[in-house]
Protein backbone atom coordinates (compact mmCIF):
# COMPACT_ATOMS: atom_id res chain seq x y z
CA UNK A 1 39.49 -35.44 42.78
CA UNK A 2 37.18 -36.75 40.08
CA UNK A 3 34.13 -35.46 39.46
CA UNK A 4 30.96 -37.26 39.20
CA UNK A 5 29.27 -36.91 35.93
CA UNK A 6 27.19 -38.23 33.03
CA UNK A 7 29.08 -37.52 29.80
CA UNK A 8 27.29 -39.29 26.89
CA UNK A 9 26.50 -38.30 23.50
CA UNK A 10 22.98 -38.74 22.56
CA UNK A 11 21.14 -40.38 19.54
CA UNK A 12 20.53 -37.06 18.42
CA UNK A 13 23.21 -37.20 15.78
CA UNK A 14 25.90 -37.10 18.33
CA UNK A 15 25.61 -33.29 18.57
CA UNK A 16 23.74 -33.23 22.27
CA UNK A 17 25.58 -34.04 25.41
CA UNK A 18 24.63 -34.78 28.84
CA UNK A 19 25.68 -33.72 32.20
CA UNK A 20 24.45 -34.78 35.57
CA UNK A 21 24.51 -31.51 37.16
CA UNK A 22 22.77 -31.98 40.75
CA UNK A 23 24.65 -35.35 41.37
CA UNK A 24 28.50 -33.78 40.12
CA UNK A 25 27.51 -30.86 42.53
CA UNK A 26 26.27 -33.24 45.38
CA UNK A 27 29.59 -34.75 45.56
CA UNK A 28 31.65 -32.08 44.50
CA UNK A 29 30.78 -30.01 47.60
CA UNK A 30 30.45 -32.82 49.91
CA UNK A 31 34.19 -33.84 49.62
CA UNK A 32 35.60 -30.29 49.26
CA UNK A 33 34.61 -28.52 52.41
CA UNK A 34 30.69 -27.51 52.07
CA UNK A 35 29.95 -30.05 54.42
CA UNK A 36 31.65 -28.43 57.23
CA UNK A 37 30.66 -24.72 56.09
CA UNK A 38 34.33 -24.26 54.36
CA UNK A 39 33.73 -21.76 51.22
CA UNK A 40 37.26 -21.19 51.09
CA UNK A 41 38.87 -24.83 50.60
CA UNK A 42 35.74 -25.58 48.37
CA UNK A 43 36.71 -21.55 46.23
CA UNK A 44 39.92 -23.00 46.21
CA UNK A 45 38.92 -27.10 44.28
CA UNK A 46 37.03 -25.47 41.90
CA UNK A 47 39.95 -23.07 40.98
CA UNK A 48 42.32 -26.06 40.35
CA UNK A 49 39.83 -28.16 39.06
CA UNK A 50 38.94 -25.26 36.03
CA UNK A 51 42.48 -25.47 35.77
CA UNK A 52 42.38 -28.96 34.60
CA UNK A 53 39.17 -28.61 32.49
CA UNK A 54 40.94 -26.20 30.39
CA UNK A 55 44.15 -27.62 30.18
CA UNK A 56 42.48 -31.19 29.22
CA UNK A 57 40.07 -29.34 26.88
CA UNK A 58 42.83 -27.27 24.95
CA UNK A 59 39.79 -24.24 26.08
CA UNK A 60 43.21 -22.28 26.95
CA UNK A 61 42.96 -18.20 27.57
CA UNK A 62 46.19 -17.41 25.47
CA UNK A 63 50.17 -18.47 26.18
CA UNK A 64 52.01 -15.70 27.35
CA UNK A 65 49.18 -13.22 28.12
CA UNK A 66 45.69 -13.84 29.68
CA UNK A 67 43.13 -13.51 26.69
CA UNK A 68 39.44 -14.69 27.38
CA UNK A 69 38.75 -17.25 25.49
CA UNK A 70 34.85 -17.40 24.92
CA UNK A 71 32.82 -21.07 25.43
CA UNK A 72 30.52 -21.21 22.43
CA UNK A 73 27.91 -23.78 22.09
CA UNK A 74 30.03 -24.98 18.75
CA UNK A 75 33.55 -25.31 21.13
CA UNK A 76 31.21 -28.03 22.91
CA UNK A 77 32.46 -32.01 21.99
CA UNK A 78 31.30 -33.54 25.29
CA UNK A 79 29.77 -33.03 28.07
CA UNK A 80 32.87 -31.90 30.51
CA UNK A 81 32.57 -28.50 28.89
CA UNK A 82 29.33 -27.79 30.79
CA UNK A 83 31.69 -28.19 33.97
CA UNK A 84 33.78 -24.91 32.46
CA UNK A 85 31.04 -22.44 33.21
CA UNK A 86 29.44 -24.45 36.58
CA UNK A 87 32.23 -24.43 38.17
CA UNK A 88 33.25 -20.96 37.41
CA UNK A 89 29.28 -20.29 39.02
CA UNK A 90 30.63 -22.07 41.81
CA UNK A 91 33.56 -20.31 42.44
CA UNK A 92 32.21 -16.88 42.15
CA UNK A 93 29.32 -17.76 44.56
CA UNK A 94 31.37 -19.92 47.23
CA UNK A 95 33.88 -16.46 47.23
CA UNK A 96 30.89 -14.54 47.97
CA UNK A 97 29.66 -16.73 50.77
CA UNK A 98 32.89 -16.84 52.22
CA UNK A 99 32.72 -12.87 52.70
CA UNK A 100 29.38 -12.82 53.72
CA UNK A 101 30.21 -15.91 56.26
CA UNK A 102 33.24 -13.17 57.32
CA UNK A 103 30.16 -10.27 57.20
CA UNK A 104 27.90 -12.37 59.34
CA UNK A 105 30.82 -12.34 61.89
CA UNK A 106 31.00 -9.48 64.92
CA UNK A 107 35.13 -8.67 64.12
CA UNK A 108 33.87 -8.17 61.02
CA UNK A 109 32.13 -4.93 61.95
CA UNK A 110 34.49 -2.11 61.28
CA UNK A 111 37.06 -0.49 58.68
CA UNK A 112 36.42 -1.78 54.96
CA UNK A 113 33.07 -3.47 55.72
CA UNK A 114 31.10 -1.52 52.88
CA UNK A 115 34.43 -2.63 50.23
CA UNK A 116 33.99 -6.22 51.52
CA UNK A 117 30.05 -5.83 51.28
CA UNK A 118 30.55 -4.09 47.80
CA UNK A 119 32.61 -7.11 46.77
CA UNK A 120 30.51 -9.73 47.92
CA UNK A 121 27.70 -8.56 45.94
CA UNK A 122 30.01 -8.40 43.04
CA UNK A 123 31.04 -11.74 43.22
CA UNK A 124 27.29 -12.75 43.77
CA UNK A 125 26.22 -10.98 40.56
CA UNK A 126 29.31 -12.97 38.36
CA UNK A 127 27.91 -16.26 40.24
CA UNK A 128 24.69 -15.55 38.26
CA UNK A 129 25.95 -14.35 35.13
CA UNK A 130 27.98 -17.43 35.23
CA UNK A 131 24.65 -19.63 35.66
CA UNK A 132 23.00 -17.89 32.89
CA UNK A 133 26.30 -18.65 30.41
CA UNK A 134 26.10 -22.68 31.57
CA UNK A 135 21.99 -22.54 30.90
CA UNK A 136 22.46 -20.94 27.36
CA UNK A 137 25.39 -23.77 26.99
CA UNK A 138 23.48 -26.40 28.16
CA UNK A 139 20.25 -25.64 26.50
CA UNK A 140 22.04 -25.65 22.81
CA UNK A 141 24.10 -28.64 23.36
CA UNK A 142 22.52 -30.10 26.37
CA UNK A 143 19.70 -33.22 26.16
CA UNK A 144 16.57 -32.64 27.49
CA UNK A 145 17.43 -33.67 31.27
CA UNK A 146 20.94 -31.50 31.39
CA UNK A 147 18.98 -28.32 29.91
CA UNK A 148 16.35 -28.78 32.80
CA UNK A 149 18.85 -29.11 35.62
CA UNK A 150 20.95 -25.99 34.21
CA UNK A 151 17.71 -23.86 33.94
CA UNK A 152 17.13 -24.88 37.71
CA UNK A 153 20.57 -24.35 38.84
CA UNK A 154 20.03 -20.81 36.95
CA UNK A 155 16.99 -19.60 39.02
CA UNK A 156 18.62 -20.80 42.12
CA UNK A 157 21.42 -18.96 41.77
CA UNK A 158 19.63 -15.99 40.74
CA UNK A 159 16.73 -16.43 44.18
CA UNK A 160 19.61 -16.81 46.03
CA UNK A 161 21.77 -12.86 44.53
CA UNK A 162 18.29 -11.30 44.80
CA UNK A 163 17.66 -12.27 48.43
CA UNK A 164 21.21 -12.22 49.83
CA UNK A 165 21.84 -8.82 47.93
CA UNK A 166 19.18 -6.94 46.93
CA UNK A 167 16.63 -7.82 49.96
CA UNK A 168 14.26 -8.36 46.82
CA UNK A 169 12.65 -11.23 48.62
CA UNK A 170 9.36 -11.55 46.77
CA UNK A 171 11.36 -11.72 43.19
CA UNK A 172 13.62 -14.36 45.00
CA UNK A 173 10.50 -16.38 46.35
CA UNK A 174 9.08 -16.35 42.55
CA UNK A 175 12.67 -17.63 41.47
CA UNK A 176 13.10 -20.23 44.16
CA UNK A 177 9.89 -21.85 43.69
CA UNK A 178 10.39 -22.27 40.31
CA UNK A 179 13.48 -23.95 41.16
CA UNK A 180 11.75 -26.21 43.17
CA UNK A 181 9.05 -26.87 40.72
CA UNK A 182 12.20 -27.98 37.76
CA UNK A 183 13.42 -29.88 40.83
CA UNK A 184 10.41 -31.60 41.60
CA UNK A 185 10.24 -32.78 37.86
CA UNK A 186 13.40 -33.88 37.61
CA UNK A 187 12.58 -35.74 40.35
CA UNK A 188 9.92 -38.00 38.98
CA UNK A 189 12.41 -38.46 35.88
CA UNK A 190 14.03 -42.07 35.46
CA UNK A 191 16.51 -42.59 36.76
CA UNK A 192 16.43 -39.95 39.14
CA UNK A 193 18.99 -39.85 42.61
CA UNK A 194 18.04 -38.64 45.81
CA UNK A 195 19.82 -35.22 45.01
CA UNK A 196 16.22 -33.67 43.84
CA UNK A 197 14.30 -34.30 46.92
CA UNK A 198 17.92 -33.17 49.09
CA UNK A 199 17.53 -29.71 47.07
CA UNK A 200 13.50 -29.88 47.31
CA UNK A 201 13.84 -29.79 51.24
CA UNK A 202 16.71 -27.65 50.56
CA UNK A 203 14.28 -25.09 49.04
CA UNK A 204 11.42 -25.38 51.15
CA UNK A 205 13.11 -23.75 54.04
CA UNK A 206 14.65 -20.70 52.08
CA UNK A 207 11.41 -20.27 50.56
CA UNK A 208 9.72 -20.19 53.55
CA UNK A 209 12.38 -17.38 54.64
CA UNK A 210 12.05 -15.33 51.71
CA UNK A 211 7.64 -15.45 52.25
CA UNK A 212 8.04 -14.18 56.08
CA UNK A 213 11.03 -11.52 54.88
CA UNK A 214 8.58 -10.80 52.03
CA UNK A 215 5.30 -10.40 53.87
CA UNK A 216 6.65 -10.18 58.08
CA UNK A 217 3.71 -12.75 58.80
CA UNK A 218 4.12 -14.12 61.95
CA UNK A 219 3.01 -17.18 61.31
CA UNK A 220 5.64 -18.09 58.71
CA UNK A 221 8.24 -17.40 61.05
CA UNK A 222 6.78 -19.63 64.06
CA UNK A 223 6.97 -22.42 61.02
CA UNK A 224 10.50 -21.67 60.25
CA UNK A 225 11.42 -21.84 63.87
CA UNK A 226 9.88 -25.38 64.15
CA UNK A 227 11.58 -28.33 62.72
CA UNK A 228 11.41 -26.73 58.92
CA UNK A 229 14.53 -24.86 60.24
CA UNK A 230 16.71 -28.55 59.60
CA UNK A 231 17.55 -26.89 56.31
CA UNK A 232 17.91 -23.62 56.41
CA UNK A 233 21.85 -22.45 55.74
CA UNK A 234 23.97 -21.43 58.72
CA UNK A 235 24.10 -18.00 57.64
CA UNK A 236 20.17 -17.69 57.88
CA UNK A 237 19.65 -19.22 61.06
CA UNK A 238 21.62 -16.75 62.57
CA UNK A 239 19.79 -14.15 60.58
CA UNK A 240 16.29 -16.37 61.73
CA UNK A 241 17.42 -15.93 65.41
CA UNK A 242 17.94 -12.03 65.18
CA UNK A 243 14.34 -11.66 63.70
CA UNK A 244 12.87 -13.49 66.22
CA UNK A 245 14.51 -11.51 68.95
CA UNK A 246 13.57 -8.75 67.48
CA UNK A 247 9.62 -9.65 67.18
CA UNK A 248 9.77 -11.43 70.63
CA UNK A 249 11.05 -7.90 71.98
CA UNK A 250 8.33 -5.56 69.70
CA UNK A 251 5.34 -8.13 70.87
CA UNK A 252 6.99 -7.97 74.76
CA UNK A 253 3.97 -5.97 77.17
CA UNK A 254 5.56 -4.65 80.25
CA UNK A 255 2.23 -2.47 81.15
CA UNK A 256 -1.28 -2.08 80.53
CA UNK A 257 -3.76 1.22 80.64
CA UNK A 258 -6.30 0.70 82.67
CA UNK A 259 -8.77 3.56 83.19
CA UNK A 260 -6.73 5.69 81.40
CA UNK A 261 -3.42 5.07 84.10
CA UNK A 262 -0.87 2.55 82.98
CA UNK A 263 -0.02 0.02 84.99
CA UNK A 264 3.40 -1.96 84.93
CA UNK A 265 3.06 -5.95 84.86
CA UNK A 266 5.31 -6.66 88.15
CA UNK A 267 7.15 -9.80 87.17
CA UNK A 268 8.64 -11.47 84.32
CA UNK A 269 6.36 -14.52 84.07
CA UNK A 270 2.85 -12.13 83.84
CA UNK A 271 5.12 -10.39 80.95
CA UNK A 272 5.48 -13.45 79.16
CA UNK A 273 1.61 -14.18 79.50
CA UNK A 274 0.00 -11.17 78.92
CA UNK A 275 2.53 -10.59 76.26
CA UNK A 276 0.79 -13.89 74.49
CA UNK A 277 -2.51 -12.88 74.73
CA UNK A 278 -2.12 -9.63 73.47
CA UNK A 279 -0.39 -11.05 70.04
CA UNK A 280 -3.55 -13.30 69.65
CA UNK A 281 -5.66 -10.23 70.34
CA UNK A 282 -3.77 -7.94 67.70
CA UNK A 283 -4.25 -11.66 64.79
CA UNK A 284 -7.27 -11.96 65.55
CA UNK A 285 -8.22 -8.20 65.46
CA UNK A 286 -6.15 -8.37 62.15
CA UNK A 287 -8.08 -11.26 60.87
CA UNK A 288 -11.08 -9.38 61.17
CA UNK A 289 -10.01 -6.48 59.34
CA UNK A 290 -9.40 -8.82 56.24
CA UNK A 291 -12.42 -10.87 56.38
CA UNK A 292 -14.26 -11.35 52.75
CA UNK A 293 -17.79 -11.64 51.92
CA UNK A 294 -19.73 -14.87 50.00
CA UNK A 295 -21.18 -18.00 51.98
CA UNK A 296 -18.22 -20.09 52.45
CA UNK A 297 -15.96 -17.26 53.29
CA UNK A 298 -18.48 -16.20 56.23
CA UNK A 299 -18.59 -20.12 57.11
CA UNK A 300 -14.79 -20.30 56.64
CA UNK A 301 -14.41 -17.64 58.97
CA UNK A 302 -16.87 -18.70 62.26
CA UNK A 303 -14.95 -21.64 62.30
CA UNK A 304 -11.46 -19.72 62.40
CA UNK A 305 -13.08 -17.43 64.88
CA UNK A 306 -14.28 -20.25 66.99
CA UNK A 307 -10.73 -21.29 66.93
CA UNK A 308 -9.34 -18.25 67.51
CA UNK A 309 -11.30 -17.31 70.13
CA UNK A 310 -10.63 -20.92 71.87
CA UNK A 311 -6.95 -19.85 71.73
CA UNK A 312 -7.69 -16.54 73.02
CA UNK A 313 -9.29 -18.27 76.23
CA UNK A 314 -6.74 -20.63 76.90
CA UNK A 315 -4.05 -17.86 77.00
CA UNK A 316 -6.31 -16.07 79.14
CA UNK A 317 -6.26 -18.76 81.80
CA UNK A 318 -2.53 -18.98 81.65
CA UNK A 319 -2.81 -15.46 82.77
CA UNK A 320 -5.37 -16.00 85.47
CA UNK A 321 -2.39 -18.96 86.64
CA UNK A 322 0.85 -17.20 86.10
């Protein structure tokens, strides 16, 4: 299985090398299982690819016994050397995602769950370490574009780790936004392929997911459940469905208070309409509490209120018709 890479020395004394990082990843991931979410197949491919790289580049780890041989900038003699830490990062990430997929299934809830969770966290962390090594190596011996792609990759990997393992959605959001900005910059460079536009679209959905998880803004959730959801990874779509169900349950109104008495709402049709109306009124109350001063803010506030009241009256009509 060949790997799509651009390995060329630059004009800078023959010391800087090039690798088309995301073009390489798009091809290898698509051809070796990730198109169908087969992380095991992709992990096995990265292991085989690493063995071939070690052999062809003579970067061997001992003869009889394994001895770790660190890859230093001075060892780099061509662009293929950059593939070593890249494939190491991809292998660790693929294994972490393989375990996550297993843990997300209902069958996995039982003995050994905590142990597998800890192992998944270690593999994600290992992927981040290799991604940082990849970034450092490309910064030292890669041309400007290669270094920029490696920085994008390392930021995206660290953001994924913080989101998937630590639940640090705010910190993940900053890193993923940084990766998206770099991808946008790369996409505008001469000769850039469609891989950077695809990357930006993928990051869009994940960024919105982190934004919702860090703020619990219902508007972000509504946006996520719309067409923007198309590029969200499968395991995040499952988590999103759970969040939507959880939010729907929390905002469901089954009774109302009238003159100090609780009155049950008699039908599901009325419950749905009443729940929508209460959610809108709650949102309006939150907006009123968070209003800022200033002339411009007052004008914007009035326009927003008119829109909100219009929506509320529409929901009142829906409730009456129900």
